[in-house]
Amino acid sequence: QVQLVESGGGLVQPGGSLRLSCTASGSTSRSIAMGWYRQAPGKQRELVAGIANSGSTKYADSVKGRFTISRDNAHNTVYLQMNSLKPEDTAVYYCNTDPPLLRGANWGQGTQVTVSS
């Protein structure tokens, strides 16, 4: 079973930056679109950024211009660079295929991002 492991979250002040990483065991992330999702307390999980195998990207309106998704297929890793963080970015962040749960990719533990002064 394919495992996705997210890391890089933490507590940061508004305006700060974090870089999230997602490493896949097996070949899940190769030749398939991947995405970063987030779920805030009491809210549904949402896609915040996606990247196709070609490298083309898409972003939720709420993060455009602040977040950058990238991928390293050689190392089965997807990144999310988050700049100018806002309190409303506080959530648990997950990576998965886009759309999710393809090729046996389950939801991992996620990584908590808290933006607070």
PDB file of N, CA and C in Angstrom:
ATOM      1  N   GLN A   1       0.842  -1.193   0.000  1.00  0.00           N
ATOM      2  CA  GLN A   1       0.000   0.000   0.000  1.00  0.00           C
ATOM      3  C   GLN A   1       0.877   1.241   0.000  1.00  0.00           C
ATOM      4  N   VAL A   2       0.489   2.179  -0.791  1.00  0.00           N
ATOM      5  CA  VAL A   2       1.301   3.391  -0.938  1.00  0.00           C
ATOM      6  C   VAL A   2       1.103   4.295   0.259  1.00  0.00           C
ATOM      7  N   GLN A   3       2.203   4.822   0.749  1.00  0.00           N
ATOM      8  CA  GLN A   3       2.164   5.749   1.866  1.00  0.00           C
ATOM      9  C   GLN A   3       2.629   7.130   1.416  1.00  0.00           C
ATOM     10  N   LEU A   4       1.917   8.128   1.889  1.00  0.00           N
ATOM     11  CA  LEU A   4       2.306   9.520   1.646  1.00  0.00           C
ATOM     12  C   LEU A   4       2.646  10.135   2.989  1.00  0.00           C
ATOM     13  N   VAL A   5       3.816  10.704   3.112  1.00  0.00           N
ATOM     14  CA  VAL A   5       4.261  11.264   4.382  1.00  0.00           C
ATOM     15  C   VAL A   5       4.557  12.748   4.201  1.00  0.00           C
ATOM     16  N   GLU A   6       3.782  13.546   4.937  1.00  0.00           N
ATOM     17  CA  GLU A   6       3.947  14.997   4.875  1.00  0.00           C
ATOM     18  C   GLU A   6       4.812  15.477   6.035  1.00  0.00           C
ATOM     19  N   SER A   7       5.554  16.545   5.797  1.00  0.00           N
ATOM     20  CA  SER A   7       6.368  17.128   6.852  1.00  0.00           C
ATOM     21  C   SER A   7       6.581  18.611   6.567  1.00  0.00           C
ATOM     22  N   GLY A   8       7.099  19.313   7.566  1.00  0.00           N
ATOM     23  CA  GLY A   8       7.457  20.710   7.380  1.00  0.00           C
ATOM     24  C   GLY A   8       6.527  21.717   8.023  1.00  0.00           C
ATOM     25  N   GLY A   9       5.451  21.240   8.613  1.00  0.00           N
ATOM     26  CA  GLY A   9       4.531  22.167   9.257  1.00  0.00           C
ATOM     27  C   GLY A   9       5.098  22.730  10.545  1.00  0.00           C
ATOM     28  N   GLY A  10       4.331  23.628  11.155  1.00  0.00           N
ATOM     29  CA  GLY A  10       4.768  24.216  12.407  1.00  0.00           C
ATOM     30  C   GLY A  10       3.983  25.461  12.732  1.00  0.00           C
ATOM     31  N   LEU A  11       4.468  26.158  13.743  1.00  0.00           N
ATOM     32  CA  LEU A  11       3.859  27.415  14.181  1.00  0.00           C
ATOM     33  C   LEU A  11       4.654  28.571  13.580  1.00  0.00           C
ATOM     34  N   VAL A  12       3.979  29.478  12.939  1.00  0.00           N
ATOM     35  CA  VAL A  12       4.646  30.614  12.302  1.00  0.00           C
ATOM     36  C   VAL A  12       3.798  31.851  12.501  1.00  0.00           C
ATOM     37  N   GLN A  13       4.447  32.988  12.566  1.00  0.00           N
ATOM     38  CA  GLN A  13       3.719  34.247  12.724  1.00  0.00           C
ATOM     39  C   GLN A  13       3.129  34.685  11.386  1.00  0.00           C
ATOM     40  N   PRO A  14       2.085  35.478  11.432  1.00  0.00           N
ATOM     41  CA  PRO A  14       1.537  36.022  10.178  1.00  0.00           C
ATOM     42  C   PRO A  14       2.619  36.720   9.375  1.00  0.00           C
ATOM     43  N   GLY A  15       2.604  36.470   8.079  1.00  0.00           N
ATOM     44  CA  GLY A  15       3.629  37.015   7.201  1.00  0.00           C
ATOM     45  C   GLY A  15       4.822  36.119   7.016  1.00  0.00           C
ATOM     46  N   GLY A  16       4.904  35.068   7.797  1.00  0.00           N
ATOM     47  CA  GLY A  16       6.024  34.151   7.718  1.00  0.00           C
ATOM     48  C   GLY A  16       5.889  33.135   6.600  1.00  0.00           C
ATOM     49  N   SER A  17       6.867  32.234   6.538  1.00  0.00           N
ATOM     50  CA  SER A  17       6.922  31.236   5.478  1.00  0.00           C
ATOM     51  C   SER A  17       7.174  29.848   6.043  1.00  0.00           C
ATOM     52  N   LEU A  18       6.701  28.858   5.314  1.00  0.00           N
ATOM     53  CA  LEU A  18       6.987  27.459   5.602  1.00  0.00           C
ATOM     54  C   LEU A  18       7.109  26.725   4.272  1.00  0.00           C
ATOM     55  N   ARG A  19       7.865  25.630   4.297  1.00  0.00           N
ATOM     56  CA  ARG A  19       7.961  24.762   3.130  1.00  0.00           C
ATOM     57  C   ARG A  19       7.571  23.353   3.543  1.00  0.00           C
ATOM     58  N   LEU A  20       6.522  22.867   2.937  1.00  0.00           N
ATOM     59  CA  LEU A  20       6.042  21.520   3.212  1.00  0.00           C
ATOM     60  C   LEU A  20       6.619  20.548   2.199  1.00  0.00           C
ATOM     61  N   SER A  21       6.852  19.333   2.656  1.00  0.00           N
ATOM     62  CA  SER A  21       7.328  18.266   1.778  1.00  0.00           C
ATOM     63  C   SER A  21       6.414  17.063   1.889  1.00  0.00           C
ATOM     64  N   CYS A  22       6.296  16.352   0.792  1.00  0.00           N
ATOM     65  CA  CYS A  22       5.492  15.125   0.763  1.00  0.00           C
ATOM     66  C   CYS A  22       6.280  14.076  -0.006  1.00  0.00           C
ATOM     67  N   THR A  23       6.584  12.990   0.671  1.00  0.00           N
ATOM     68  CA  THR A  23       7.330  11.910   0.036  1.00  0.00           C
ATOM     69  C   THR A  23       6.436  10.686  -0.073  1.00  0.00           C
ATOM     70  N   ALA A  24       6.422  10.094  -1.262  1.00  0.00           N
ATOM     71  CA  ALA A  24       5.595   8.930  -1.515  1.00  0.00           C
ATOM     72  C   ALA A  24       6.447   7.679  -1.576  1.00  0.00           C
ATOM     73  N   SER A  25       6.017   6.663  -0.907  1.00  0.00           N
ATOM     74  CA  SER A  25       6.654   5.358  -1.075  1.00  0.00           C
ATOM     75  C   SER A  25       6.101   4.728  -2.338  1.00  0.00           C
ATOM     76  N   GLY A  26       6.901   4.034  -3.081  1.00  0.00           N
ATOM     77  CA  GLY A  26       6.447   3.477  -4.341  1.00  0.00           C
ATOM     78  C   GLY A  26       6.453   4.533  -5.417  1.00  0.00           C
ATOM     79  N   SER A  27       5.632   4.350  -6.412  1.00  0.00           N
ATOM     80  CA  SER A  27       5.689   5.223  -7.587  1.00  0.00           C
ATOM     81  C   SER A  27       4.438   6.069  -7.738  1.00  0.00           C
ATOM     82  N   THR A  28       3.759   6.323  -6.614  1.00  0.00           N
ATOM     83  CA  THR A  28       2.490   7.048  -6.704  1.00  0.00           C
ATOM     84  C   THR A  28       2.606   8.364  -7.427  1.00  0.00           C
ATOM     85  N   SER A  29       3.632   9.144  -7.079  1.00  0.00           N
ATOM     86  CA  SER A  29       3.662  10.508  -7.569  1.00  0.00           C
ATOM     87  C   SER A  29       4.204  10.631  -8.980  1.00  0.00           C
ATOM     88  N   ARG A  30       4.716   9.538  -9.536  1.00  0.00           N
ATOM     89  CA  ARG A  30       5.279   9.642 -10.875  1.00  0.00           C
ATOM     90  C   ARG A  30       4.180   9.594 -11.921  1.00  0.00           C
ATOM     91  N   SER A  31       4.299  10.462 -12.922  1.00  0.00           N
ATOM     92  CA  SER A  31       3.393  10.454 -14.070  1.00  0.00           C
ATOM     93  C   SER A  31       1.938  10.653 -13.687  1.00  0.00           C
ATOM     94  N   ILE A  32       1.689  11.366 -12.620  1.00  0.00           N
ATOM     95  CA  ILE A  32       0.314  11.643 -12.229  1.00  0.00           C
ATOM     96  C   ILE A  32       0.266  13.001 -11.545  1.00  0.00           C
ATOM     97  N   ALA A  33      -0.855  13.670 -11.706  1.00  0.00           N
ATOM     98  CA  ALA A  33      -1.000  14.950 -11.033  1.00  0.00           C
ATOM     99  C   ALA A  33      -1.075  14.748  -9.525  1.00  0.00           C
ATOM    100  N   MET A  34      -0.425  15.663  -8.801  1.00  0.00           N
ATOM    101  CA  MET A  34      -0.420  15.621  -7.346  1.00  0.00           C
ATOM    102  C   MET A  34      -0.961  16.931  -6.807  1.00  0.00           C
ATOM    103  N   GLY A  35      -1.431  16.887  -5.593  1.00  0.00           N
ATOM    104  CA  GLY A  35      -1.989  18.099  -5.014  1.00  0.00           C
ATOM    105  C   GLY A  35      -1.713  18.203  -3.531  1.00  0.00           C
ATOM    106  N   TRP A  36      -1.759  19.416  -3.061  1.00  0.00           N
ATOM    107  CA  TRP A  36      -1.751  19.699  -1.622  1.00  0.00           C
ATOM    108  C   TRP A  36      -3.166  20.119  -1.219  1.00  0.00           C
ATOM    109  N   TYR A  37      -3.634  19.537  -0.159  1.00  0.00           N
ATOM    110  CA  TYR A  37      -4.961  19.801   0.359  1.00  0.00           C
ATOM    111  C   TYR A  37      -4.816  20.310   1.789  1.00  0.00           C
ATOM    112  N   ARG A  38      -5.863  20.943   2.284  1.00  0.00           N
ATOM    113  CA  ARG A  38      -5.857  21.326   3.684  1.00  0.00           C
ATOM    114  C   ARG A  38      -7.248  21.206   4.261  1.00  0.00           C
ATOM    115  N   GLN A  39      -7.271  20.992   5.572  1.00  0.00           N
ATOM    116  CA  GLN A  39      -8.541  20.907   6.285  1.00  0.00           C
ATOM    117  C   GLN A  39      -8.423  21.665   7.590  1.00  0.00           C
ATOM    118  N   ALA A  40      -9.214  22.711   7.696  1.00  0.00           N
ATOM    119  CA  ALA A  40      -9.282  23.500   8.923  1.00  0.00           C
ATOM    120  C   ALA A  40     -10.377  22.928   9.812  1.00  0.00           C
ATOM    121  N   PRO A  41     -10.308  23.171  11.114  1.00  0.00           N
ATOM    122  CA  PRO A  41     -11.341  22.647  12.021  1.00  0.00           C
ATOM    123  C   PRO A  41     -12.737  23.071  11.587  1.00  0.00           C
ATOM    124  N   GLY A  42     -13.625  22.101  11.497  1.00  0.00           N
ATOM    125  CA  GLY A  42     -15.003  22.393  11.145  1.00  0.00           C
ATOM    126  C   GLY A  42     -15.253  22.654   9.677  1.00  0.00           C
ATOM    127  N   LYS A  43     -14.232  22.483   8.857  1.00  0.00           N
ATOM    128  CA  LYS A  43     -14.374  22.744   7.427  1.00  0.00           C
ATOM    129  C   LYS A  43     -14.027  21.504   6.618  1.00  0.00           C
ATOM    130  N   GLN A  44     -14.492  21.493   5.383  1.00  0.00           N
ATOM    131  CA  GLN A  44     -14.166  20.384   4.492  1.00  0.00           C
ATOM    132  C   GLN A  44     -12.735  20.510   3.975  1.00  0.00           C
ATOM    133  N   ARG A  45     -12.183  19.360   3.636  1.00  0.00           N
ATOM    134  CA  ARG A  45     -10.865  19.359   3.029  1.00  0.00           C
ATOM    135  C   ARG A  45     -10.949  20.003   1.647  1.00  0.00           C
ATOM    136  N   GLU A  46      -9.967  20.833   1.335  1.00  0.00           N
ATOM    137  CA  GLU A  46      -9.982  21.536   0.059  1.00  0.00           C
ATOM    138  C   GLU A  46      -8.619  21.416  -0.618  1.00  0.00           C
ATOM    139  N   LEU A  47      -8.653  21.452  -1.938  1.00  0.00           N
ATOM    140  CA  LEU A  47      -7.419  21.463  -2.725  1.00  0.00           C
ATOM    141  C   LEU A  47      -6.890  22.891  -2.749  1.00  0.00           C
ATOM    142  N   VAL A  48      -5.648  23.078  -2.354  1.00  0.00           N
ATOM    143  CA  VAL A  48      -5.073  24.419  -2.401  1.00  0.00           C
ATOM    144  C   VAL A  48      -4.101  24.595  -3.568  1.00  0.00           C
ATOM    145  N   ALA A  49      -3.470  23.497  -4.002  1.00  0.00           N
ATOM    146  CA  ALA A  49      -2.528  23.604  -5.122  1.00  0.00           C
ATOM    147  C   ALA A  49      -2.382  22.244  -5.791  1.00  0.00           C
ATOM    148  N   GLY A  50      -2.265  22.266  -7.104  1.00  0.00           N
ATOM    149  CA  GLY A  50      -2.072  21.029  -7.845  1.00  0.00           C
ATOM    150  C   GLY A  50      -0.973  21.205  -8.878  1.00  0.00           C
ATOM    151  N   ILE A  51      -0.325  20.091  -9.210  1.00  0.00           N
ATOM    152  CA  ILE A  51       0.732  20.124 -10.211  1.00  0.00           C
ATOM    153  C   ILE A  51       0.625  18.887 -11.083  1.00  0.00           C
ATOM    154  N   ALA A  52       0.566  19.123 -12.385  1.00  0.00           N
ATOM    155  CA  ALA A  52       0.499  18.017 -13.325  1.00  0.00           C
ATOM    156  C   ALA A  52       1.890  17.420 -13.539  1.00  0.00           C
ATOM    157  N   ASN A  53       1.930  16.267 -14.169  1.00  0.00           N
ATOM    158  CA  ASN A  53       3.225  15.661 -14.451  1.00  0.00           C
ATOM    159  C   ASN A  53       4.051  16.544 -15.383  1.00  0.00           C
ATOM    160  N   SER A  54       3.362  17.326 -16.200  1.00  0.00           N
ATOM    161  CA  SER A  54       4.044  18.252 -17.108  1.00  0.00           C
ATOM    162  C   SER A  54       4.674  19.425 -16.375  1.00  0.00           C
ATOM    163  N   GLY A  55       4.228  19.629 -15.130  1.00  0.00           N
ATOM    164  CA  GLY A  55       4.715  20.766 -14.362  1.00  0.00           C
ATOM    165  C   GLY A  55       3.752  21.931 -14.303  1.00  0.00           C
ATOM    166  N   SER A  56       2.670  21.871 -15.065  1.00  0.00           N
ATOM    167  CA  SER A  56       1.689  22.948 -14.988  1.00  0.00           C
ATOM    168  C   SER A  56       1.024  22.927 -13.619  1.00  0.00           C
ATOM    169  N   THR A  57       0.686  24.105 -13.140  1.00  0.00           N
ATOM    170  CA  THR A  57       0.175  24.230 -11.773  1.00  0.00           C
ATOM    171  C   THR A  57      -1.169  24.935 -11.746  1.00  0.00           C
ATOM    172  N   LYS A  58      -1.872  24.745 -10.643  1.00  0.00           N
ATOM    173  CA  LYS A  58      -3.123  25.448 -10.394  1.00  0.00           C
ATOM    174  C   LYS A  58      -3.205  25.728  -8.906  1.00  0.00           C
ATOM    175  N   TYR A  59      -3.937  26.783  -8.550  1.00  0.00           N
ATOM    176  CA  TYR A  59      -4.023  27.202  -7.159  1.00  0.00           C
ATOM    177  C   TYR A  59      -5.436  27.655  -6.822  1.00  0.00           C
ATOM    178  N   ALA A  60      -5.799  27.434  -5.576  1.00  0.00           N
ATOM    179  CA  ALA A  60      -7.024  28.028  -5.078  1.00  0.00           C
ATOM    180  C   ALA A  60      -6.849  29.541  -5.047  1.00  0.00           C
ATOM    181  N   ASP A  61      -7.924  30.253  -5.263  1.00  0.00           N
ATOM    182  CA  ASP A  61      -7.841  31.715  -5.292  1.00  0.00           C
ATOM    183  C   ASP A  61      -7.251  32.269  -3.996  1.00  0.00           C
ATOM    184  N   SER A  62      -7.544  31.596  -2.889  1.00  0.00           N
ATOM    185  CA  SER A  62      -7.123  32.098  -1.582  1.00  0.00           C
ATOM    186  C   SER A  62      -5.606  32.059  -1.380  1.00  0.00           C
ATOM    187  N   VAL A  63      -4.892  31.285  -2.205  1.00  0.00           N
ATOM    188  CA  VAL A  63      -3.443  31.156  -2.010  1.00  0.00           C
ATOM    189  C   VAL A  63      -2.639  31.631  -3.213  1.00  0.00           C
ATOM    190  N   LYS A  64      -3.306  32.030  -4.273  1.00  0.00           N
ATOM    191  CA  LYS A  64      -2.588  32.476  -5.465  1.00  0.00           C
ATOM    192  C   LYS A  64      -1.650  33.631  -5.140  1.00  0.00           C
ATOM    193  N   GLY A  65      -0.438  33.526  -5.670  1.00  0.00           N
ATOM    194  CA  GLY A  65       0.552  34.569  -5.436  1.00  0.00           C
ATOM    195  C   GLY A  65       1.318  34.399  -4.137  1.00  0.00           C
ATOM    196  N   ARG A  66       0.876  33.475  -3.281  1.00  0.00           N
ATOM    197  CA  ARG A  66       1.551  33.263  -1.998  1.00  0.00           C
ATOM    198  C   ARG A  66       2.154  31.855  -1.882  1.00  0.00           C
ATOM    199  N   PHE A  67       1.500  30.876  -2.461  1.00  0.00           N
ATOM    200  CA  PHE A  67       1.944  29.482  -2.385  1.00  0.00           C
ATOM    201  C   PHE A  67       2.502  29.041  -3.735  1.00  0.00           C
ATOM    202  N   THR A  68       3.504  28.174  -3.688  1.00  0.00           N
ATOM    203  CA  THR A  68       4.083  27.607  -4.903  1.00  0.00           C
ATOM    204  C   THR A  68       4.252  26.107  -4.724  1.00  0.00           C
ATOM    205  N   ILE A  69       3.672  25.346  -5.630  1.00  0.00           N
ATOM    206  CA  ILE A  69       3.814  23.895  -5.593  1.00  0.00           C
ATOM    207  C   ILE A  69       4.887  23.484  -6.603  1.00  0.00           C
ATOM    208  N   SER A  70       5.663  22.477  -6.238  1.00  0.00           N
ATOM    209  CA  SER A  70       6.690  21.957  -7.147  1.00  0.00           C
ATOM    210  C   SER A  70       6.860  20.465  -6.890  1.00  0.00           C
ATOM    211  N   ARG A  71       7.578  19.805  -7.794  1.00  0.00           N
ATOM    212  CA  ARG A  71       7.736  18.363  -7.630  1.00  0.00           C
ATOM    213  C   ARG A  71       9.121  17.921  -8.079  1.00  0.00           C
ATOM    214  N   ASP A  72       9.569  16.846  -7.474  1.00  0.00           N
ATOM    215  CA  ASP A  72      10.833  16.194  -7.846  1.00  0.00           C
ATOM    216  C   ASP A  72      10.501  14.732  -8.098  1.00  0.00           C
ATOM    217  N   ASN A  73      10.237  14.406  -9.336  1.00  0.00           N
ATOM    218  CA  ASN A  73       9.805  13.044  -9.649  1.00  0.00           C
ATOM    219  C   ASN A  73      10.889  12.006  -9.367  1.00  0.00           C
ATOM    220  N   ALA A  74      12.128  12.404  -9.491  1.00  0.00           N
ATOM    221  CA  ALA A  74      13.226  11.459  -9.247  1.00  0.00           C
ATOM    222  C   ALA A  74      13.221  10.965  -7.803  1.00  0.00           C
ATOM    223  N   HIS A  75      12.698  11.799  -6.917  1.00  0.00           N
ATOM    224  CA  HIS A  75      12.671  11.448  -5.500  1.00  0.00           C
ATOM    225  C   HIS A  75      11.256  11.297  -4.958  1.00  0.00           C
ATOM    226  N   ASN A  76      10.279  11.200  -5.850  1.00  0.00           N
ATOM    227  CA  ASN A  76       8.889  11.005  -5.430  1.00  0.00           C
ATOM    228  C   ASN A  76       8.476  12.016  -4.369  1.00  0.00           C
ATOM    229  N   THR A  77       8.840  13.269  -4.568  1.00  0.00           N
ATOM    230  CA  THR A  77       8.564  14.290  -3.570  1.00  0.00           C
ATOM    231  C   THR A  77       7.839  15.474  -4.194  1.00  0.00           C
ATOM    232  N   VAL A  78       6.875  15.981  -3.463  1.00  0.00           N
ATOM    233  CA  VAL A  78       6.135  17.169  -3.859  1.00  0.00           C
ATOM    234  C   VAL A  78       6.300  18.199  -2.747  1.00  0.00           C
ATOM    235  N   TYR A  79       6.477  19.446  -3.130  1.00  0.00           N
ATOM    236  CA  TYR A  79       6.704  20.507  -2.157  1.00  0.00           C
ATOM    237  C   TYR A  79       5.604  21.561  -2.240  1.00  0.00           C
ATOM    238  N   LEU A  80       5.433  22.268  -1.137  1.00  0.00           N
ATOM    239  CA  LEU A  80       4.555  23.430  -1.122  1.00  0.00           C
ATOM    240  C   LEU A  80       5.272  24.545  -0.369  1.00  0.00           C
ATOM    241  N   GLN A  81       5.708  25.550  -1.093  1.00  0.00           N
ATOM    242  CA  GLN A  81       6.312  26.728  -0.482  1.00  0.00           C
ATOM    243  C   GLN A  81       5.192  27.707  -0.162  1.00  0.00           C
ATOM    244  N   MET A  82       5.103  28.079   1.101  1.00  0.00           N
ATOM    245  CA  MET A  82       4.032  28.961   1.554  1.00  0.00           C
ATOM    246  C   MET A  82       4.633  30.248   2.098  1.00  0.00           C
ATOM    247  N   ASN A  83       4.325  31.343   1.458  1.00  0.00           N
ATOM    248  CA  ASN A  83       4.817  32.651   1.888  1.00  0.00           C
ATOM    249  C   ASN A  83       3.653  33.540   2.296  1.00  0.00           C
ATOM    250  N   SER A  84       3.982  34.618   2.984  1.00  0.00           N
ATOM    251  CA  SER A  84       2.958  35.587   3.413  1.00  0.00           C
ATOM    252  C   SER A  84       1.785  34.884   4.085  1.00  0.00           C
ATOM    253  N   LEU A  85       2.092  34.019   5.005  1.00  0.00           N
ATOM    254  CA  LEU A  85       1.044  33.210   5.643  1.00  0.00           C
ATOM    255  C   LEU A  85       0.100  34.070   6.456  1.00  0.00           C
ATOM    256  N   LYS A  86      -1.159  33.654   6.469  1.00  0.00           N
ATOM    257  CA  LYS A  86      -2.225  34.348   7.177  1.00  0.00           C
ATOM    258  C   LYS A  86      -2.841  33.405   8.207  1.00  0.00           C
ATOM    259  N   PRO A  87      -3.461  33.942   9.231  1.00  0.00           N
ATOM    260  CA  PRO A  87      -4.125  33.078  10.217  1.00  0.00           C
ATOM    261  C   PRO A  87      -5.133  32.122   9.576  1.00  0.00           C
ATOM    262  N   GLU A  88      -5.780  32.545   8.508  1.00  0.00           N
ATOM    263  CA  GLU A  88      -6.758  31.676   7.848  1.00  0.00           C
ATOM    264  C   GLU A  88      -6.121  30.526   7.073  1.00  0.00           C
ATOM    265  N   ASP A  89      -4.790  30.499   6.995  1.00  0.00           N
ATOM    266  CA  ASP A  89      -4.097  29.352   6.408  1.00  0.00           C
ATOM    267  C   ASP A  89      -3.908  28.230   7.414  1.00  0.00           C
ATOM    268  N   THR A  90      -4.259  28.478   8.656  1.00  0.00           N
ATOM    269  CA  THR A  90      -4.130  27.461   9.691  1.00  0.00           C
ATOM    270  C   THR A  90      -4.996  26.251   9.362  1.00  0.00           C
ATOM    271  N   ALA A  91      -4.364  25.087   9.312  1.00  0.00           N
ATOM    272  CA  ALA A  91      -5.056  23.855   8.934  1.00  0.00           C
ATOM    273  C   ALA A  91      -4.069  22.701   9.013  1.00  0.00           C
ATOM    274  N   VAL A  92      -4.604  21.492   8.860  1.00  0.00           N
ATOM    275  CA  VAL A  92      -3.755  20.332   8.618  1.00  0.00           C
ATOM    276  C   VAL A  92      -3.614  20.193   7.103  1.00  0.00           C
ATOM    277  N   TYR A  93      -2.393  20.092   6.648  1.00  0.00           N
ATOM    278  CA  TYR A  93      -2.105  20.004   5.218  1.00  0.00           C
ATOM    279  C   TYR A  93      -1.743  18.565   4.842  1.00  0.00           C
ATOM    280  N   TYR A  94      -2.327  18.127   3.742  1.00  0.00           N
ATOM    281  CA  TYR A  94      -2.127  16.772   3.235  1.00  0.00           C
ATOM    282  C   TYR A  94      -1.715  16.840   1.769  1.00  0.00           C
ATOM    283  N   CYS A  95      -0.985  15.831   1.343  1.00  0.00           N
ATOM    284  CA  CYS A  95      -0.782  15.687  -0.090  1.00  0.00           C
ATOM    285  C   CYS A  95      -1.467  14.407  -0.553  1.00  0.00           C
ATOM    286  N   ASN A  96      -1.800  14.372  -1.800  1.00  0.00           N
ATOM    287  CA  ASN A  96      -2.434  13.210  -2.407  1.00  0.00           C
ATOM    288  C   ASN A  96      -2.427  13.419  -3.914  1.00  0.00           C
ATOM    289  N   THR A  97      -2.914  12.420  -4.617  1.00  0.00           N
ATOM    290  CA  THR A  97      -3.067  12.599  -6.057  1.00  0.00           C
ATOM    291  C   THR A  97      -4.172  13.628  -6.313  1.00  0.00           C
ATOM    292  N   ASP A  98      -4.230  14.112  -7.532  1.00  0.00           N
ATOM    293  CA  ASP A  98      -5.257  15.074  -7.911  1.00  0.00           C
ATOM    294  C   ASP A  98      -5.953  14.542  -9.159  1.00  0.00           C
ATOM    295  N   PRO A  99      -7.192  14.080  -9.060  1.00  0.00           N
ATOM    296  CA  PRO A  99      -8.006  14.007  -7.855  1.00  0.00           C
ATOM    297  C   PRO A  99      -7.447  13.000  -6.855  1.00  0.00           C
ATOM    298  N   PRO A 100      -7.933  13.038  -5.630  1.00  0.00           N
ATOM    299  CA  PRO A 100      -7.305  12.233  -4.575  1.00  0.00           C
ATOM    300  C   PRO A 100      -7.621  10.745  -4.662  1.00  0.00           C
ATOM    301  N   LEU A 101      -6.783   9.964  -4.004  1.00  0.00           N
ATOM    302  CA  LEU A 101      -6.997   8.544  -3.759  1.00  0.00           C
ATOM    303  C   LEU A 101      -6.809   7.675  -5.001  1.00  0.00           C
ATOM    304  N   LEU A 102      -6.098   8.191  -5.979  1.00  0.00           N
ATOM    305  CA  LEU A 102      -5.771   7.367  -7.132  1.00  0.00           C
ATOM    306  C   LEU A 102      -4.569   6.490  -6.819  1.00  0.00           C
ATOM    307  N   ARG A 103      -4.430   5.393  -7.558  1.00  0.00           N
ATOM    308  CA  ARG A 103      -3.276   4.476  -7.443  1.00  0.00           C
ATOM    309  C   ARG A 103      -3.021   4.026  -6.011  1.00  0.00           C
ATOM    310  N   GLY A 104      -4.082   3.843  -5.272  1.00  0.00           N
ATOM    311  CA  GLY A 104      -3.924   3.324  -3.920  1.00  0.00           C
ATOM    312  C   GLY A 104      -3.383   4.328  -2.928  1.00  0.00           C
ATOM    313  N   ALA A 105      -3.399   5.602  -3.271  1.00  0.00           N
ATOM    314  CA  ALA A 105      -2.882   6.630  -2.367  1.00  0.00           C
ATOM    315  C   ALA A 105      -3.916   6.938  -1.297  1.00  0.00           C
ATOM    316  N   ASN A 106      -3.602   6.622  -0.064  1.00  0.00           N
ATOM    317  CA  ASN A 106      -4.474   6.960   1.051  1.00  0.00           C
ATOM    318  C   ASN A 106      -4.074   8.301   1.655  1.00  0.00           C
ATOM    319  N   TRP A 107      -4.929   8.819   2.503  1.00  0.00           N
ATOM    320  CA  TRP A 107      -4.578  10.036   3.222  1.00  0.00           C
ATOM    321  C   TRP A 107      -3.544   9.708   4.294  1.00  0.00           C
ATOM    322  N   GLY A 108      -2.496  10.528   4.371  1.00  0.00           N
ATOM    323  CA  GLY A 108      -1.507  10.366   5.419  1.00  0.00           C
ATOM    324  C   GLY A 108      -1.931  11.086   6.680  1.00  0.00           C
ATOM    325  N   GLN A 109      -0.969  11.262   7.581  1.00  0.00           N
ATOM    326  CA  GLN A 109      -1.264  11.941   8.843  1.00  0.00           C
ATOM    327  C   GLN A 109      -1.420  13.447   8.662  1.00  0.00           C
ATOM    328  N   GLY A 110      -0.852  13.955   7.598  1.00  0.00           N
ATOM    329  CA  GLY A 110      -0.883  15.397   7.398  1.00  0.00           C
ATOM    330  C   GLY A 110       0.162  16.091   8.261  1.00  0.00           C
ATOM    331  N   THR A 111       0.287  17.372   8.046  1.00  0.00           N
ATOM    332  CA  THR A 111       1.201  18.177   8.845  1.00  0.00           C
ATOM    333  C   THR A 111       0.482  19.460   9.247  1.00  0.00           C
ATOM    334  N   GLN A 112       0.541  19.764  10.530  1.00  0.00           N
ATOM    335  CA  GLN A 112      -0.205  20.913  11.068  1.00  0.00           C
ATOM    336  C   GLN A 112       0.528  22.212  10.768  1.00  0.00           C
ATOM    337  N   VAL A 113      -0.192  23.150  10.229  1.00  0.00           N
ATOM    338  CA  VAL A 113       0.320  24.505  10.026  1.00  0.00           C
ATOM    339  C   VAL A 113      -0.535  25.446  10.858  1.00  0.00           C
ATOM    340  N   THR A 114       0.106  26.177  11.749  1.00  0.00           N
ATOM    341  CA  THR A 114      -0.594  27.138  12.594  1.00  0.00           C
ATOM    342  C   THR A 114       0.028  28.503  12.394  1.00  0.00           C
ATOM    343  N   VAL A 115      -0.810  29.450  11.993  1.00  0.00           N
ATOM    344  CA  VAL A 115      -0.336  30.820  11.767  1.00  0.00           C
ATOM    345  C   VAL A 115      -0.956  31.696  12.843  1.00  0.00           C
ATOM    346  N   SER A 116      -0.110  32.166  13.739  1.00  0.00           N
ATOM    347  CA  SER A 116      -0.614  32.921  14.887  1.00  0.00           C
ATOM    348  C   SER A 116       0.505  33.773  15.460  1.00  0.00           C
ATOM    349  N   SER A 117       0.105  34.920  15.978  1.00  0.00           N
ATOM    350  CA  SER A 117       1.073  35.788  16.651  1.00  0.00           C
ATOM    351  C   SER A 117       1.098  35.498  18.151  1.00  0.00           C
TER     352      SER A 117
END
